[in-house]
Amino acid sequence: MSWLNQIPQAARDYLEANRLDEVECMIGDLPGIARGKAVPAAKWEKQTQFHLPESIFFQTITGGWGEAAGEDGFIEPDMILKPDYSTATAAPWATDGTLQVIHDAYDRKGNLIQFSPRNVLKRVVALYEAEGWTPVVAPEMEFFLVAPNTDPAKPIDPMIGRSGRPAAARQAYSMTAVDDYGPVIDDIYEFAEIQGFEIDGITQEGGAGQLEINLNHGDPVELADQVFFFKRLLKEAALKHNCFATFMAKPIENEPGSAMHVHHSILDRDGSNIFTGPQGGETDAFFQFIGGLQQHLPSVIAVMAPYVNSYRRYVKDHAAPINLEWARDNRTTGLRVPLSSPEARRIENRLAGMDCNPYLCIAASLACGYLGIKQGLRPDKRFDGDAYAGEGELPQGLYSALELFDENTAMHDLLGPEFARVYSIVKRAEYEEFLHVISPWEREHLLLNV
């Protein structure tokens, strides 16, 4: 079992206390859903790869299909999936000893599959590495704990807390509100510890039953893996306590939406932050990275806000940006420079919703900053005041966002032309699926009035 020496210490500790019964061999699809196979441990130890059809990346969120198979047609050829043992982690909610292992997707010639989201992020990180840079990110995950909702026709309600009352809204940073979900949070901490994930903090956000989890900064692929695993962890912890964890961008009317804010910095070969100069000041690279975000983010909003629901989050005065202004220590702008020491200087992208695929979101955000540095872009003047007083600059819906995505071929070159082709086709198929649905608003206001 040579693989035992390649897995993280937390996974080894788990196996010392639990007999390994099953391994979940998984890969994230375009929405970020875990796809794969559950394999008995004895069989998994004998194999070095397994197969899934590449068509898993052509599926829409509803289970439909985008016509993205290419010239050969929809023949569903197999990909070769190889385990990344460094991702091995426990599934502590399982009744038997279970490991989860993320796999990477290759074609028959040994080339990475371009439209696999984890490969997209690896492609962008490699661009930084070719320049002698090490990108560093820190994601912040917002989500709601809600009452079980088994009827899609009914609105989503906040969960019932320990107090017996629905979770309170407008109680940002309240410790009492956090205590109300105490049993769920206890399991979140326990699962995270068993899986070897370090939580930097949990806070109550502004929405009813809305929480935020901050992760420590680090390697972009490792952090995206953690977000991928955390989404499953949080759902399992919630189900233990008769509630749902949801990562919808806007699950409840008149409540704030849920974001995945991403903090960025870049280290040079010596480990120094390239956003900070020898005297502690802000460098050209710092401003160029911001300029790249301002210039290119509109064309990847379709990646950071991937569903029709995502655009309900971009409304004034609901803790989500409506434009691409940048400022220091100002949470109304889309781009924020937090308070920090010069060594920890970083740029926060506040645009992405928590419904995004973490690999694709981080890849797209890093790609925008990379283009800014390579193209020598300069940002607009730093914004002063309340950015909600300004004009909206973001696409107002998925269709408009996809139009911008298709036009930016420079971005396609960074993310991968084949990924860009498949992503656009699948998302347009999803949008067409949505147009077949008649909403309660339409029945209420149009049925007898028009």
Protein backbone atom coordinates (compact mmCIF):
# COMPACT_ATOMS: atom_id res chain seq x y z
CA MET A 1 0.00 0.00 0.00
CA SER A 2 2.53 2.58 -1.19
CA TRP A 3 -0.27 5.12 -1.54
CA LEU A 4 -0.40 5.37 2.27
CA ASN A 5 2.84 7.35 2.20
CA GLN A 6 1.36 9.83 -0.28
CA ILE A 7 -1.82 10.81 1.57
CA PRO A 8 -2.06 13.66 4.12
CA GLN A 9 -1.45 12.98 7.81
CA ALA A 10 -5.10 13.64 8.68
CA ALA A 11 -6.17 10.83 6.34
CA ARG A 12 -3.58 8.50 7.88
CA ASP A 13 -4.81 9.35 11.35
CA TYR A 14 -8.36 8.56 10.24
CA LEU A 15 -7.29 5.16 8.89
CA GLU A 16 -5.55 4.32 12.14
CA ALA A 17 -8.89 4.68 13.91
CA ASN A 18 -11.12 3.29 11.15
CA ARG A 19 -10.82 0.22 8.97
CA LEU A 20 -10.91 1.36 5.34
CA ASP A 21 -14.03 -0.03 3.73
CA GLU A 22 -14.62 2.19 0.68
CA VAL A 23 -12.95 4.84 -1.44
CA GLU A 24 -14.96 7.51 -3.23
CA CYS A 25 -13.13 8.28 -6.46
CA MET A 26 -14.41 11.67 -7.55
CA ILE A 27 -13.99 14.59 -9.88
CA GLY A 28 -15.79 17.94 -9.97
CA ASP A 29 -17.96 18.66 -13.02
CA LEU A 30 -18.77 22.12 -14.45
CA PRO A 31 -21.22 23.06 -11.65
CA GLY A 32 -18.79 21.64 -9.07
CA ILE A 33 -20.84 18.53 -8.29
CA ALA A 34 -18.81 15.50 -7.21
CA ARG A 35 -19.05 12.79 -9.87
CA GLY A 36 -17.36 9.42 -9.71
CA LYS A 37 -17.51 5.92 -8.29
CA ALA A 38 -17.55 4.34 -4.85
CA VAL A 39 -15.03 1.51 -4.92
CA PRO A 40 -14.45 -1.22 -2.31
CA ALA A 41 -11.11 -0.64 -0.61
CA ALA A 42 -9.64 -3.98 -1.69
CA LYS A 43 -10.33 -3.20 -5.34
CA TRP A 44 -9.11 0.39 -5.12
CA GLU A 45 -5.75 -0.68 -3.74
CA LYS A 46 -5.16 -2.75 -6.88
CA GLN A 47 -5.94 -0.03 -9.43
CA THR A 48 -4.13 3.14 -10.44
CA GLN A 49 -6.90 4.69 -12.52
CA PHE A 50 -10.54 4.37 -13.50
CA HIS A 51 -12.78 5.64 -16.26
CA LEU A 52 -15.78 7.93 -16.66
CA PRO A 53 -17.28 9.28 -19.89
CA GLU A 54 -16.20 12.79 -20.82
CA SER A 55 -19.89 13.62 -21.22
CA ILE A 56 -20.12 14.36 -17.48
CA PHE A 57 -18.76 17.78 -18.39
CA PHE A 58 -21.56 18.36 -20.90
CA GLN A 59 -24.35 18.02 -18.31
CA THR A 60 -26.43 20.98 -17.24
CA ILE A 61 -27.39 21.55 -13.61
CA THR A 62 -30.79 19.94 -14.31
CA GLY A 63 -29.23 16.77 -15.73
CA GLY A 64 -29.81 17.76 -19.33
CA TRP A 65 -27.10 17.93 -21.97
CA GLY A 66 -25.31 20.61 -23.93
CA GLU A 67 -24.42 19.70 -27.51
CA ALA A 68 -20.69 20.00 -26.78
CA ALA A 69 -19.39 16.62 -27.93
CA GLY A 70 -17.51 18.03 -30.93
CA GLU A 71 -16.98 16.68 -34.44
CA ASP A 72 -17.14 12.98 -33.49
CA GLY A 73 -20.64 13.34 -32.09
CA PHE A 74 -22.09 12.16 -28.79
CA ILE A 75 -20.21 8.86 -28.52
CA GLU A 76 -19.23 9.34 -24.84
CA PRO A 77 -15.58 8.26 -24.94
CA ASP A 78 -13.98 7.45 -21.61
CA MET A 79 -11.54 9.68 -19.80
CA ILE A 80 -8.70 8.24 -17.76
CA LEU A 81 -9.00 9.42 -14.16
CA LYS A 82 -5.88 9.25 -12.01
CA PRO A 83 -5.91 9.85 -8.25
CA ASP A 84 -4.21 12.81 -6.65
CA TYR A 85 -3.28 11.12 -3.38
CA SER A 86 -2.51 14.47 -1.76
CA THR A 87 -6.27 15.19 -1.77
CA ALA A 88 -7.24 12.04 0.17
CA THR A 89 -9.51 12.94 3.08
CA ALA A 90 -12.02 11.21 5.30
CA ALA A 91 -15.78 11.14 4.84
CA PRO A 92 -16.48 11.36 8.59
CA TRP A 93 -20.27 11.22 8.19
CA ALA A 94 -20.07 7.75 6.60
CA THR A 95 -20.99 4.75 8.77
CA ASP A 96 -17.97 2.76 7.50
CA GLY A 97 -14.38 3.87 7.03
CA THR A 98 -14.46 5.95 3.83
CA LEU A 99 -11.88 8.07 2.03
CA GLN A 100 -12.60 10.68 -0.63
CA VAL A 101 -9.94 11.14 -3.33
CA ILE A 102 -10.04 13.76 -6.08
CA HIS A 103 -8.90 12.56 -9.50
CA ASP A 104 -7.53 14.39 -12.52
CA ALA A 105 -8.87 13.77 -16.01
CA TYR A 106 -6.69 12.72 -18.97
CA ASP A 107 -7.40 11.61 -22.52
CA ARG A 108 -6.05 8.38 -24.01
CA LYS A 109 -2.84 10.10 -25.09
CA GLY A 110 -2.11 11.26 -21.54
CA ASN A 111 -3.10 14.91 -22.10
CA LEU A 112 -5.09 16.76 -19.46
CA ILE A 113 -8.74 17.19 -20.43
CA GLN A 114 -9.11 20.94 -21.03
CA PHE A 115 -12.69 21.26 -19.86
CA SER A 116 -12.15 19.60 -16.48
CA PRO A 117 -12.43 22.53 -13.99
CA ARG A 118 -9.47 21.43 -11.85
CA ASN A 119 -7.33 21.27 -14.98
CA VAL A 120 -8.47 24.78 -15.95
CA LEU A 121 -7.16 26.12 -12.63
CA LYS A 122 -3.91 24.18 -12.99
CA ARG A 123 -3.47 25.72 -16.44
CA VAL A 124 -3.76 29.26 -15.05
CA VAL A 125 -1.47 28.55 -12.08
CA ALA A 126 1.13 27.25 -14.55
CA LEU A 127 1.09 30.62 -16.32
CA TYR A 128 2.08 32.29 -13.05
CA GLU A 129 4.75 29.69 -12.37
CA ALA A 130 6.28 30.30 -15.81
CA GLU A 131 6.83 33.92 -14.71
CA GLY A 132 8.46 32.83 -11.44
CA TRP A 133 5.36 33.78 -9.44
CA THR A 134 3.39 31.86 -6.86
CA PRO A 135 -0.27 32.94 -6.64
CA VAL A 136 -1.83 32.83 -3.18
CA VAL A 137 -5.57 32.92 -2.52
CA ALA A 138 -7.91 32.86 0.47
CA PRO A 139 -11.61 32.08 -0.16
CA GLU A 140 -14.47 33.17 2.08
CA MET A 141 -17.58 30.98 1.88
CA GLU A 142 -21.05 32.34 2.63
CA PHE A 143 -24.03 30.01 2.84
CA PHE A 144 -27.47 29.65 4.41
CA LEU A 145 -28.78 27.06 6.84
CA VAL A 146 -32.45 26.69 5.90
CA ALA A 147 -35.45 24.63 6.87
CA PRO A 148 -35.95 21.46 4.82
CA ASN A 149 -37.60 22.36 1.53
CA THR A 150 -39.04 19.41 -0.38
CA ASP A 151 -41.53 21.36 -2.51
CA PRO A 152 -39.81 23.63 -5.07
CA ALA A 153 -43.05 25.63 -5.42
CA LYS A 154 -42.72 26.88 -1.83
CA PRO A 155 -40.36 29.66 -0.74
CA ILE A 156 -37.25 28.75 1.25
CA ASP A 157 -37.50 29.46 4.99
CA PRO A 158 -34.68 29.96 7.52
CA MET A 159 -33.86 27.00 9.74
CA ILE A 160 -35.27 26.66 13.25
CA GLY A 161 -32.50 27.38 15.72
CA ARG A 162 -31.74 25.90 19.11
CA SER A 163 -34.04 28.53 20.62
CA GLY A 164 -37.02 27.03 18.74
CA ARG A 165 -37.41 30.20 16.66
CA PRO A 166 -36.47 30.75 13.00
CA ALA A 167 -32.93 31.98 12.46
CA ALA A 168 -32.76 35.75 12.82
CA ALA A 169 -31.89 38.14 10.01
CA ARG A 170 -30.00 41.44 10.21
CA GLN A 171 -27.80 40.08 12.99
CA ALA A 172 -24.40 40.23 11.32
CA TYR A 173 -21.51 39.18 13.57
CA SER A 174 -23.89 38.26 16.39
CA MET A 175 -22.41 35.60 18.69
CA THR A 176 -25.90 34.81 20.01
CA ALA A 177 -27.05 34.04 16.48
CA VAL A 178 -24.08 31.73 15.95
CA ASP A 179 -24.87 29.98 19.24
CA ASP A 180 -28.38 29.28 17.94
CA TYR A 181 -26.88 26.92 15.34
CA GLY A 182 -24.45 25.48 17.89
CA PRO A 183 -25.06 21.77 17.21
CA VAL A 184 -24.56 22.22 13.45
CA ILE A 185 -21.41 24.29 13.94
CA ASP A 186 -20.01 21.73 16.38
CA ASP A 187 -20.28 19.08 13.67
CA ILE A 188 -18.79 21.41 11.07
CA TYR A 189 -15.72 21.87 13.28
CA GLU A 190 -15.51 18.15 14.05
CA PHE A 191 -15.80 17.09 10.41
CA ALA A 192 -13.25 19.72 9.35
CA GLU A 193 -10.76 18.58 12.00
CA ILE A 194 -11.08 14.92 10.97
CA GLN A 195 -10.61 15.91 7.33
CA GLY A 196 -7.56 18.01 8.14
CA PHE A 197 -9.05 21.36 7.16
CA GLU A 198 -8.24 24.48 9.17
CA ILE A 199 -11.09 26.97 9.60
CA ASP A 200 -9.93 30.54 10.11
CA GLY A 201 -13.28 31.59 11.57
CA ILE A 202 -17.08 31.29 11.43
CA THR A 203 -19.30 34.36 11.62
CA GLN A 204 -22.98 35.21 11.34
CA GLU A 205 -23.71 37.18 8.20
CA GLY A 206 -26.61 39.54 7.52
CA GLY A 207 -29.13 37.02 6.21
CA ALA A 208 -31.46 34.80 8.22
CA GLY A 209 -29.44 31.68 8.95
CA GLN A 210 -26.51 32.94 6.87
CA LEU A 211 -22.98 32.05 7.95
CA GLU A 212 -19.50 32.71 6.61
CA ILE A 213 -16.49 30.42 6.89
CA ASN A 214 -13.02 31.80 6.17
CA LEU A 215 -10.17 29.56 5.07
CA ASN A 216 -6.48 30.24 5.55
CA HIS A 217 -4.57 31.50 2.52
CA GLY A 218 -2.57 29.12 0.38
CA ASP A 219 -2.12 27.37 -2.97
CA PRO A 220 -5.04 28.02 -5.36
CA VAL A 221 -5.60 24.35 -6.29
CA GLU A 222 -5.45 23.20 -2.67
CA LEU A 223 -7.88 25.91 -1.58
CA ALA A 224 -10.29 25.12 -4.41
CA ASP A 225 -10.12 21.46 -3.36
CA GLN A 226 -11.03 22.51 0.18
CA VAL A 227 -14.04 24.55 -0.98
CA PHE A 228 -15.11 21.58 -3.12
CA PHE A 229 -14.88 19.28 -0.08
CA PHE A 230 -16.40 21.87 2.28
CA LYS A 231 -19.61 22.14 0.26
CA ARG A 232 -20.22 18.46 0.86
CA LEU A 233 -19.10 18.66 4.49
CA LEU A 234 -21.52 21.50 5.23
CA LYS A 235 -24.44 19.74 3.57
CA GLU A 236 -23.79 16.58 5.59
CA ALA A 237 -23.44 18.47 8.88
CA ALA A 238 -26.72 20.30 8.22
CA LEU A 239 -28.62 17.10 7.34
CA LYS A 240 -27.66 15.61 10.71
CA HIS A 241 -29.68 18.40 12.33
CA ASN A 242 -32.74 18.44 10.05
CA CYS A 243 -31.77 21.46 7.97
CA PHE A 244 -30.24 22.14 4.57
CA ALA A 245 -27.03 23.99 3.78
CA THR A 246 -27.54 25.89 0.52
CA PHE A 247 -25.02 27.71 -1.64
CA MET A 248 -27.56 29.40 -3.90
CA ALA A 249 -26.51 32.95 -4.62
CA LYS A 250 -29.96 34.26 -3.57
CA PRO A 251 -32.08 31.63 -1.80
CA ILE A 252 -34.46 33.88 0.18
CA GLU A 253 -36.35 36.94 -1.05
CA ASN A 254 -35.34 40.28 0.48
CA GLU A 255 -32.30 38.76 2.15
CA PRO A 256 -28.64 39.26 1.18
CA GLY A 257 -27.07 36.79 -1.20
CA SER A 258 -24.15 34.45 -0.59
CA ALA A 259 -20.73 35.24 -2.03
CA MET A 260 -17.39 33.52 -2.36
CA HIS A 261 -15.00 36.40 -1.86
CA VAL A 262 -11.46 35.60 -3.03
CA HIS A 263 -8.34 37.34 -1.69
CA HIS A 264 -5.29 37.39 -3.98
CA SER A 265 -1.60 38.02 -3.58
CA ILE A 266 1.48 36.90 -5.55
CA LEU A 267 4.90 35.85 -4.28
CA ASP A 268 8.13 36.04 -6.26
CA ARG A 269 10.90 33.41 -6.27
CA ASP A 270 12.22 34.77 -2.96
CA GLY A 271 8.81 34.53 -1.32
CA SER A 272 8.24 38.29 -1.31
CA ASN A 273 4.84 39.80 -2.11
CA ILE A 274 5.10 41.46 -5.54
CA PHE A 275 2.30 43.86 -4.58
CA THR A 276 4.67 45.51 -2.09
CA GLY A 277 7.88 47.40 -2.92
CA PRO A 278 11.17 47.59 -0.95
CA GLN A 279 9.92 50.58 1.04
CA GLY A 280 6.52 49.02 1.76
CA GLY A 281 4.61 50.89 -0.95
CA GLU A 282 2.23 49.57 -3.60
CA THR A 283 3.91 48.39 -6.80
CA ASP A 284 3.03 48.60 -10.47
CA ALA A 285 2.02 44.92 -10.32
CA PHE A 286 -0.49 45.75 -7.57
CA PHE A 287 -2.22 48.39 -9.68
CA GLN A 288 -1.96 46.33 -12.88
CA PHE A 289 -3.64 43.36 -11.16
CA ILE A 290 -6.53 45.63 -10.18
CA GLY A 291 -6.60 47.02 -13.72
CA GLY A 292 -6.85 43.49 -15.09
CA LEU A 293 -9.75 42.68 -12.81
CA GLN A 294 -11.58 45.83 -13.86
CA GLN A 295 -10.94 45.24 -17.56
CA HIS A 296 -11.63 41.52 -17.79
CA LEU A 297 -14.01 40.55 -14.97
CA PRO A 298 -17.15 41.41 -16.98
CA SER A 299 -16.20 38.70 -19.48
CA VAL A 300 -15.96 36.02 -16.76
CA ILE A 301 -19.02 36.99 -14.73
CA ALA A 302 -20.69 34.05 -16.48
CA VAL A 303 -18.20 31.84 -14.61
CA MET A 304 -18.51 33.59 -11.25
CA ALA A 305 -22.31 33.94 -11.50
CA PRO A 306 -23.21 30.79 -13.43
CA TYR A 307 -27.02 30.57 -13.02
CA VAL A 308 -30.07 32.73 -13.60
CA ASN A 309 -30.47 32.99 -9.81
CA SER A 310 -26.93 34.37 -9.50
CA TYR A 311 -27.91 37.79 -10.88
CA ARG A 312 -30.53 38.36 -8.19
CA ARG A 313 -27.61 38.94 -5.84
CA TYR A 314 -26.27 42.03 -7.63
CA VAL A 315 -28.66 44.58 -6.12
CA LYS A 316 -27.90 47.80 -4.30
CA ASP A 317 -27.50 47.85 -0.52
CA HIS A 318 -27.62 44.06 -0.10
CA ALA A 319 -23.90 43.45 0.61
CA ALA A 320 -23.09 42.56 -3.01
CA PRO A 321 -21.26 44.79 -5.51
CA ILE A 322 -22.98 46.34 -8.50
CA ASN A 323 -19.87 47.68 -10.22
CA LEU A 324 -16.10 47.27 -10.64
CA GLU A 325 -14.91 50.17 -8.51
CA TRP A 326 -11.92 49.57 -6.24
CA ALA A 327 -11.11 51.08 -2.88
CA ARG A 328 -9.23 50.53 0.34
CA ASP A 329 -11.22 49.02 3.21
CA ASN A 330 -14.57 49.64 1.52
CA ARG A 331 -17.07 46.78 1.30
CA THR A 332 -19.41 48.54 -1.14
CA THR A 333 -16.93 48.18 -4.01
CA GLY A 334 -16.47 45.11 -6.17
CA LEU A 335 -12.71 45.18 -5.56
CA ARG A 336 -11.44 45.83 -2.06
CA VAL A 337 -7.98 46.25 -0.61
CA PRO A 338 -8.28 45.08 3.03
CA LEU A 339 -6.34 46.51 5.93
CA SER A 340 -3.07 44.61 6.24
CA SER A 341 0.65 44.85 6.76
CA PRO A 342 2.70 45.55 3.62
CA GLU A 343 3.85 41.92 3.57
CA ALA A 344 0.25 40.69 3.55
CA ARG A 345 -1.03 43.20 0.98
CA ARG A 346 -3.78 41.58 -1.07
CA ILE A 347 -6.73 42.32 -3.35
CA GLU A 348 -10.22 40.98 -2.64
CA ASN A 349 -12.57 40.10 -5.50
CA ARG A 350 -16.10 40.39 -4.07
CA LEU A 351 -18.06 39.58 -7.23
CA ALA A 352 -18.33 35.78 -7.24
CA GLY A 353 -21.38 34.04 -5.83
CA MET A 354 -21.09 30.95 -3.63
CA ASP A 355 -22.92 29.02 -6.34
CA CYS A 356 -19.79 29.15 -8.50
CA ASN A 357 -17.45 26.25 -9.19
CA PRO A 358 -14.46 27.10 -6.94
CA TYR A 359 -11.88 25.88 -9.47
CA LEU A 360 -13.34 27.94 -12.29
CA CYS A 361 -13.95 31.03 -10.17
CA ILE A 362 -10.40 31.16 -8.81
CA ALA A 363 -8.97 30.37 -12.26
CA ALA A 364 -10.94 33.18 -13.90
CA SER A 365 -10.08 35.71 -11.20
CA LEU A 366 -6.36 34.87 -11.38
CA ALA A 367 -6.51 35.02 -15.18
CA CYS A 368 -7.93 38.55 -15.08
CA GLY A 369 -5.15 39.73 -12.77
CA TYR A 370 -2.50 37.96 -14.85
CA LEU A 371 -3.71 39.68 -18.02
CA GLY A 372 -3.64 43.00 -16.19
CA ILE A 373 0.04 42.58 -15.32
CA LYS A 374 1.04 41.23 -18.73
CA GLN A 375 -0.89 43.96 -20.56
CA GLY A 376 0.28 46.72 -18.22
CA LEU A 377 -3.28 47.83 -17.46
CA ARG A 378 -3.97 50.65 -15.01
CA PRO A 379 -7.06 50.82 -12.82
CA ASP A 380 -9.56 53.61 -12.59
CA LYS A 381 -9.07 56.17 -9.84
CA ARG A 382 -9.58 54.76 -6.37
CA PHE A 383 -13.22 55.16 -5.34
CA ASP A 384 -14.21 57.22 -2.30
CA GLY A 385 -17.60 56.87 -0.63
CA ASP A 386 -20.55 54.54 -1.15
CA ALA A 387 -20.17 52.63 -4.44
CA TYR A 388 -23.90 51.82 -4.42
CA ALA A 389 -24.44 55.46 -5.33
CA GLY A 390 -22.74 54.79 -8.66
CA GLU A 391 -24.01 53.09 -11.78
CA GLY A 392 -24.19 49.34 -12.19
CA GLU A 393 -21.52 47.89 -14.47
CA LEU A 394 -22.25 44.17 -14.31
CA PRO A 395 -24.27 42.08 -16.77
CA GLN A 396 -27.90 41.94 -15.72
CA GLY A 397 -28.43 38.28 -16.59
CA LEU A 398 -26.78 35.06 -17.67
CA TYR A 399 -27.46 35.58 -21.37
CA SER A 400 -25.70 38.97 -21.40
CA ALA A 401 -22.83 37.55 -19.37
CA LEU A 402 -22.35 34.71 -21.85
CA GLU A 403 -22.22 37.19 -24.73
CA LEU A 404 -19.30 38.94 -23.00
CA PHE A 405 -17.65 35.60 -22.22
CA ASP A 406 -17.76 34.52 -25.85
CA GLU A 407 -16.21 37.80 -27.05
CA ASN A 408 -13.04 37.73 -24.89
CA THR A 409 -10.79 35.37 -26.86
CA ALA A 410 -7.73 36.49 -24.88
CA MET A 411 -9.39 35.01 -21.81
CA HIS A 412 -10.16 31.80 -23.73
CA ASP A 413 -6.45 31.41 -24.47
CA LEU A 414 -5.69 31.47 -20.73
CA LEU A 415 -8.54 29.26 -19.53
CA GLY A 416 -8.35 26.94 -22.54
CA PRO A 417 -10.21 27.31 -25.85
CA GLU A 418 -11.82 23.90 -25.50
CA PHE A 419 -13.06 24.76 -22.02
CA ALA A 420 -14.49 28.06 -23.29
CA ARG A 421 -16.31 26.25 -26.10
CA VAL A 422 -17.84 23.60 -23.84
CA TYR A 423 -18.72 26.03 -21.05
CA SER A 424 -20.58 28.40 -23.34
CA ILE A 425 -22.58 25.57 -24.95
CA VAL A 426 -23.57 24.00 -21.62
CA LYS A 427 -24.56 27.31 -20.04
CA ARG A 428 -26.64 28.34 -23.03
CA ALA A 429 -28.40 24.98 -22.85
CA GLU A 430 -29.16 25.66 -19.17
CA TYR A 431 -30.54 29.08 -20.03
CA GLU A 432 -32.84 27.57 -22.66
CA GLU A 433 -34.03 25.02 -20.08
CA PHE A 434 -34.88 27.89 -17.73
CA LEU A 435 -36.97 29.62 -20.40
CA HIS A 436 -39.33 26.64 -20.42
CA VAL A 437 -40.24 27.28 -16.76
CA ILE A 438 -43.13 29.61 -15.86
CA SER A 439 -42.55 31.30 -12.49
CA PRO A 440 -45.11 32.13 -9.77
CA TRP A 441 -44.50 35.85 -10.47
CA GLU A 442 -45.66 35.40 -14.06
CA ARG A 443 -48.78 33.50 -13.04
CA GLU A 444 -49.64 36.01 -10.31
CA HIS A 445 -49.21 39.19 -12.34
CA LEU A 446 -49.80 38.16 -15.94
CA LEU A 447 -52.44 35.46 -15.84
CA LEU A 448 -55.43 37.85 -15.61
CA ASN A 449 -53.83 41.29 -16.01
CA VAL A 450 -52.50 41.24 -19.56
